[in-house]
N, C-alpha and C. Protein backbone atom coordinates (compact mmCIF):
# COMPACT_ATOMS: atom_id res chain seq x y z
N UNK A 1 41.92 -2.83 38.79
CA UNK A 1 40.70 -2.23 39.26
C UNK A 1 40.97 -0.80 39.74
N UNK A 2 39.97 0.03 39.63
CA UNK A 2 40.10 1.41 40.08
C UNK A 2 40.08 1.47 41.60
N UNK A 3 40.83 2.37 42.13
CA UNK A 3 40.82 2.55 43.58
C UNK A 3 39.59 3.33 44.00
N UNK A 4 39.28 3.26 45.27
CA UNK A 4 38.10 3.95 45.80
C UNK A 4 38.19 5.45 45.54
N UNK A 5 39.37 6.02 45.70
CA UNK A 5 39.50 7.47 45.49
C UNK A 5 39.20 7.86 44.05
N UNK A 6 39.63 7.02 43.11
CA UNK A 6 39.34 7.32 41.71
C UNK A 6 37.84 7.20 41.46
N UNK A 7 37.20 6.17 42.01
CA UNK A 7 35.76 6.00 41.82
C UNK A 7 34.98 7.18 42.40
N UNK A 8 35.35 7.61 43.58
CA UNK A 8 34.68 8.77 44.18
C UNK A 8 34.85 9.99 43.30
N UNK A 9 36.05 10.19 42.83
CA UNK A 9 36.34 11.34 41.97
C UNK A 9 35.53 11.25 40.67
N UNK A 10 35.48 10.07 40.08
CA UNK A 10 34.75 9.90 38.83
C UNK A 10 33.26 10.17 39.03
N UNK A 11 32.72 9.65 40.14
CA UNK A 11 31.30 9.84 40.40
C UNK A 11 30.96 11.28 40.71
N UNK A 12 31.87 11.98 41.35
CA UNK A 12 31.60 13.38 41.70
C UNK A 12 31.87 14.33 40.55
N UNK A 13 32.54 13.86 39.51
CA UNK A 13 32.79 14.70 38.35
C UNK A 13 33.88 15.72 38.56
N UNK A 14 34.80 15.48 39.50
CA UNK A 14 35.82 16.48 39.78
C UNK A 14 36.87 16.54 38.68
N UNK A 15 37.00 15.52 37.90
CA UNK A 15 37.89 15.56 36.75
C UNK A 15 37.47 14.43 35.81
N UNK A 16 37.98 14.46 34.60
CA UNK A 16 37.58 13.44 33.64
C UNK A 16 38.12 12.08 34.06
N UNK A 17 37.49 11.04 33.56
CA UNK A 17 37.96 9.68 33.83
C UNK A 17 39.41 9.54 33.42
N UNK A 18 39.72 10.02 32.24
CA UNK A 18 41.08 9.91 31.71
C UNK A 18 42.08 10.59 32.64
N UNK A 19 41.78 11.83 33.03
CA UNK A 19 42.69 12.58 33.92
C UNK A 19 42.87 11.87 35.25
N UNK A 20 41.78 11.36 35.80
CA UNK A 20 41.84 10.68 37.09
C UNK A 20 42.69 9.41 37.00
N UNK A 21 42.50 8.66 35.95
CA UNK A 21 43.25 7.41 35.81
C UNK A 21 44.74 7.68 35.57
N UNK A 22 45.04 8.66 34.73
CA UNK A 22 46.44 9.02 34.48
C UNK A 22 47.08 9.49 35.78
N UNK A 23 46.35 10.31 36.55
CA UNK A 23 46.87 10.80 37.83
C UNK A 23 47.14 9.65 38.82
N UNK A 24 46.36 8.58 38.71
CA UNK A 24 46.55 7.42 39.58
C UNK A 24 47.67 6.51 39.09
N UNK A 25 48.24 6.83 37.92
CA UNK A 25 49.38 6.07 37.43
C UNK A 25 49.06 4.98 36.41
N UNK A 26 47.83 4.97 35.91
CA UNK A 26 47.50 3.99 34.89
C UNK A 26 48.18 4.37 33.58
N UNK A 27 48.74 3.39 32.86
CA UNK A 27 49.39 3.70 31.59
C UNK A 27 48.37 4.12 30.53
N UNK A 28 48.80 4.98 29.61
CA UNK A 28 47.90 5.52 28.58
C UNK A 28 47.20 4.43 27.77
N UNK A 29 47.87 3.34 27.35
CA UNK A 29 47.16 2.30 26.60
C UNK A 29 46.01 1.68 27.40
N UNK A 30 46.21 1.49 28.71
CA UNK A 30 45.15 0.96 29.56
C UNK A 30 43.98 1.93 29.59
N UNK A 31 44.28 3.21 29.77
CA UNK A 31 43.24 4.24 29.85
C UNK A 31 42.47 4.32 28.53
N UNK A 32 43.18 4.26 27.41
CA UNK A 32 42.51 4.27 26.10
C UNK A 32 41.54 3.09 26.00
N UNK A 33 42.02 1.92 26.39
CA UNK A 33 41.17 0.73 26.36
C UNK A 33 39.99 0.85 27.30
N UNK A 34 40.25 1.39 28.49
CA UNK A 34 39.17 1.55 29.47
C UNK A 34 38.07 2.44 28.92
N UNK A 35 38.46 3.57 28.33
CA UNK A 35 37.45 4.50 27.79
C UNK A 35 36.63 3.84 26.69
N UNK A 36 37.29 3.11 25.78
CA UNK A 36 36.57 2.44 24.70
C UNK A 36 35.69 1.33 25.26
N UNK A 37 36.22 0.56 26.19
CA UNK A 37 35.44 -0.52 26.79
C UNK A 37 34.26 -0.01 27.58
N UNK A 38 34.44 1.10 28.28
CA UNK A 38 33.37 1.69 29.07
C UNK A 38 32.21 2.14 28.16
N UNK A 39 32.54 2.80 27.08
CA UNK A 39 31.51 3.21 26.13
C UNK A 39 30.77 1.99 25.59
N UNK A 40 31.52 0.96 25.28
CA UNK A 40 30.93 -0.27 24.75
C UNK A 40 30.08 -0.97 25.81
N UNK A 41 30.53 -0.96 27.06
CA UNK A 41 29.76 -1.57 28.14
C UNK A 41 28.45 -0.87 28.38
N UNK A 42 28.46 0.47 28.33
CA UNK A 42 27.21 1.22 28.48
C UNK A 42 26.27 0.91 27.33
N UNK A 43 26.82 0.80 26.12
CA UNK A 43 25.99 0.48 24.96
C UNK A 43 25.39 -0.92 25.12
N UNK A 44 26.17 -1.87 25.60
CA UNK A 44 25.69 -3.23 25.79
C UNK A 44 24.58 -3.29 26.84
N UNK A 45 24.62 -2.38 27.81
CA UNK A 45 23.61 -2.35 28.87
C UNK A 45 22.37 -1.57 28.46
N UNK A 46 22.38 -0.98 27.27
CA UNK A 46 21.19 -0.32 26.77
C UNK A 46 21.29 1.18 26.60
N UNK A 47 22.41 1.77 26.91
CA UNK A 47 22.56 3.22 26.75
C UNK A 47 22.80 3.57 25.29
N UNK A 48 22.55 4.81 24.97
CA UNK A 48 22.83 5.29 23.62
C UNK A 48 24.30 5.70 23.56
N UNK A 49 25.16 4.72 23.47
CA UNK A 49 26.60 4.96 23.42
C UNK A 49 27.17 4.14 22.26
N UNK A 50 28.36 4.50 21.87
CA UNK A 50 29.01 3.81 20.76
C UNK A 50 29.73 2.57 21.26
N UNK A 51 29.67 1.50 20.44
CA UNK A 51 30.50 0.33 20.70
C UNK A 51 31.84 0.61 20.05
N UNK A 52 32.88 0.70 20.87
CA UNK A 52 34.20 1.06 20.35
C UNK A 52 35.22 0.01 20.77
N UNK A 53 35.89 -0.53 19.79
CA UNK A 53 36.96 -1.48 20.09
C UNK A 53 37.94 -1.47 18.93
N UNK A 54 39.15 -1.06 19.20
CA UNK A 54 40.22 -1.09 18.21
C UNK A 54 40.77 -2.52 18.22
N UNK A 55 40.21 -3.38 17.38
CA UNK A 55 40.53 -4.81 17.42
C UNK A 55 42.02 -5.09 17.21
N UNK A 56 42.67 -4.50 16.20
CA UNK A 56 44.10 -4.77 16.06
C UNK A 56 44.89 -4.38 17.32
N UNK A 57 44.55 -3.25 17.90
CA UNK A 57 45.24 -2.81 19.11
C UNK A 57 44.91 -3.74 20.28
N UNK A 58 43.65 -4.16 20.37
CA UNK A 58 43.22 -5.08 21.42
C UNK A 58 44.03 -6.38 21.36
N UNK A 59 44.26 -6.86 20.15
CA UNK A 59 45.00 -8.11 19.97
C UNK A 59 46.50 -7.96 20.19
N UNK A 60 47.02 -6.76 19.96
CA UNK A 60 48.48 -6.56 20.02
C UNK A 60 48.97 -5.93 21.32
N UNK A 61 48.11 -5.21 22.02
CA UNK A 61 48.55 -4.50 23.22
C UNK A 61 47.79 -5.01 24.45
N UNK A 62 48.46 -5.81 25.27
CA UNK A 62 47.79 -6.38 26.45
C UNK A 62 47.21 -5.32 27.40
N UNK A 63 47.88 -4.18 27.56
CA UNK A 63 47.35 -3.14 28.45
C UNK A 63 46.05 -2.55 27.91
N UNK A 64 46.00 -2.32 26.60
CA UNK A 64 44.76 -1.83 25.99
C UNK A 64 43.64 -2.86 26.19
N UNK A 65 43.96 -4.13 25.95
CA UNK A 65 42.96 -5.19 26.09
C UNK A 65 42.46 -5.29 27.53
N UNK A 66 43.37 -5.22 28.49
CA UNK A 66 42.97 -5.28 29.90
C UNK A 66 42.11 -4.08 30.27
N UNK A 67 42.50 -2.90 29.81
CA UNK A 67 41.71 -1.70 30.07
C UNK A 67 40.33 -1.80 29.44
N UNK A 68 40.27 -2.29 28.21
CA UNK A 68 38.99 -2.44 27.52
C UNK A 68 38.08 -3.39 28.29
N UNK A 69 38.63 -4.54 28.67
CA UNK A 69 37.83 -5.52 29.40
C UNK A 69 37.33 -4.95 30.74
N UNK A 70 38.22 -4.29 31.48
CA UNK A 70 37.82 -3.69 32.76
C UNK A 70 36.75 -2.62 32.56
N UNK A 71 36.97 -1.73 31.59
CA UNK A 71 36.01 -0.67 31.32
C UNK A 71 34.66 -1.22 30.91
N UNK A 72 34.67 -2.23 30.05
CA UNK A 72 33.42 -2.83 29.58
C UNK A 72 32.64 -3.39 30.76
N UNK A 73 33.29 -4.23 31.56
CA UNK A 73 32.60 -4.88 32.69
C UNK A 73 32.10 -3.86 33.71
N UNK A 74 32.95 -2.92 34.08
CA UNK A 74 32.56 -1.97 35.13
C UNK A 74 31.43 -1.05 34.68
N UNK A 75 31.52 -0.54 33.47
CA UNK A 75 30.49 0.41 33.01
C UNK A 75 29.19 -0.29 32.67
N UNK A 76 29.27 -1.51 32.15
CA UNK A 76 28.05 -2.27 31.89
C UNK A 76 27.35 -2.57 33.21
N UNK A 77 28.10 -3.05 34.19
CA UNK A 77 27.51 -3.38 35.49
C UNK A 77 26.94 -2.14 36.18
N UNK A 78 27.64 -1.02 36.10
CA UNK A 78 27.17 0.21 36.74
C UNK A 78 25.85 0.67 36.14
N UNK A 79 25.75 0.63 34.81
CA UNK A 79 24.51 1.06 34.16
C UNK A 79 23.38 0.09 34.45
N UNK A 80 23.66 -1.21 34.40
CA UNK A 80 22.63 -2.19 34.71
C UNK A 80 22.14 -2.03 36.15
N UNK A 81 23.04 -1.74 37.06
CA UNK A 81 22.67 -1.53 38.46
C UNK A 81 21.80 -0.28 38.60
N UNK A 82 22.15 0.78 37.90
CA UNK A 82 21.35 2.01 37.95
C UNK A 82 19.96 1.77 37.38
N UNK A 83 19.88 1.02 36.29
CA UNK A 83 18.58 0.70 35.69
C UNK A 83 17.75 -0.13 36.66
N UNK A 84 18.39 -1.12 37.28
CA UNK A 84 17.70 -1.97 38.25
C UNK A 84 17.17 -1.15 39.43
N UNK A 85 17.98 -0.23 39.94
CA UNK A 85 17.53 0.63 41.04
C UNK A 85 16.33 1.48 40.62
N UNK A 86 16.38 2.03 39.41
CA UNK A 86 15.28 2.85 38.92
C UNK A 86 14.00 2.03 38.80
N UNK A 87 14.11 0.81 38.28
CA UNK A 87 12.94 -0.06 38.17
C UNK A 87 12.39 -0.41 39.55
N UNK A 88 13.28 -0.68 40.49
CA UNK A 88 12.86 -1.00 41.85
C UNK A 88 12.13 0.19 42.47
N UNK A 89 12.69 1.38 42.31
CA UNK A 89 12.06 2.58 42.86
C UNK A 89 10.69 2.82 42.23
N UNK A 90 10.59 2.58 40.93
CA UNK A 90 9.32 2.75 40.23
C UNK A 90 8.29 1.75 40.75
N UNK A 91 8.72 0.51 40.96
CA UNK A 91 7.82 -0.51 41.50
C UNK A 91 7.33 -0.12 42.90
N UNK A 92 8.24 0.42 43.71
CA UNK A 92 7.86 0.85 45.06
C UNK A 92 6.81 1.96 44.99
N UNK A 93 7.02 2.93 44.10
CA UNK A 93 6.04 4.02 43.97
C UNK A 93 4.70 3.48 43.49
N UNK A 94 4.72 2.52 42.57
CA UNK A 94 3.47 1.91 42.09
C UNK A 94 2.74 1.19 43.22
N UNK A 95 3.48 0.44 44.03
CA UNK A 95 2.85 -0.28 45.15
C UNK A 95 2.27 0.70 46.17
N UNK A 96 3.02 1.77 46.45
CA UNK A 96 2.52 2.77 47.40
C UNK A 96 1.25 3.43 46.87
N UNK A 97 1.22 3.75 45.59
CA UNK A 97 0.03 4.36 44.98
C UNK A 97 -1.14 3.39 45.05
N UNK A 98 -0.90 2.12 44.73
CA UNK A 98 -1.96 1.11 44.74
C UNK A 98 -2.52 0.95 46.15
N UNK A 99 -1.62 0.95 47.16
CA UNK A 99 -2.06 0.83 48.55
C UNK A 99 -2.92 2.04 48.94
N UNK A 100 -2.51 3.22 48.51
CA UNK A 100 -3.28 4.43 48.79
C UNK A 100 -4.67 4.34 48.16
N UNK A 101 -4.75 3.91 46.91
CA UNK A 101 -6.04 3.78 46.22
C UNK A 101 -6.91 2.74 46.93
N UNK A 102 -6.31 1.61 47.30
CA UNK A 102 -7.07 0.56 47.99
C UNK A 102 -7.61 1.06 49.34
N UNK A 103 -6.78 1.80 50.08
CA UNK A 103 -7.22 2.33 51.37
C UNK A 103 -8.34 3.36 51.18
N UNK A 104 -8.21 4.19 50.18
CA UNK A 104 -9.25 5.19 49.91
C UNK A 104 -10.56 4.51 49.52
N UNK A 105 -10.46 3.45 48.71
CA UNK A 105 -11.66 2.71 48.30
C UNK A 105 -12.30 2.03 49.51
N UNK A 106 -11.49 1.43 50.36
CA UNK A 106 -12.02 0.76 51.56
C UNK A 106 -12.71 1.78 52.46
N UNK A 107 -12.11 2.95 52.63
CA UNK A 107 -12.69 3.99 53.46
C UNK A 107 -14.02 4.46 52.87
N UNK A 108 -14.05 4.62 51.55
CA UNK A 108 -15.28 5.07 50.89
C UNK A 108 -16.38 4.02 51.04
N UNK A 109 -16.03 2.76 50.93
CA UNK A 109 -17.03 1.70 51.05
C UNK A 109 -17.54 1.56 52.48
N UNK A 110 -16.67 1.78 53.47
CA UNK A 110 -17.09 1.72 54.87
C UNK A 110 -18.05 2.86 55.20
N UNK A 111 -17.84 4.00 54.57
CA UNK A 111 -18.67 5.18 54.84
C UNK A 111 -20.06 5.04 54.25
N UNK A 112 -20.21 4.15 53.27
CA UNK A 112 -21.51 4.03 52.58
C UNK A 112 -22.54 3.34 53.40
């Protein structure tokens, strides 16, 4: 799993995912797998991303496979969470607008 410092760095955009992971000591095959898995995880969650998996490498290199699996799960979950937050925020705005309309209608009817 990525450390908190790597996640903060990745979210802030201070360096590429690859650079951050290499700097944290992750082996290159793991990082390669993570990048491919992350792209695939975003695609699985609905983003316009490529599904990437080097199947022979996945089957032959445990570090690549572990990186791919971690990247897939983390990036899929992150995108799904972001989508869920956006839908929740949209629902809140809709409810607030509906309440405003209802209050305005009630005020108008009381004035009549």
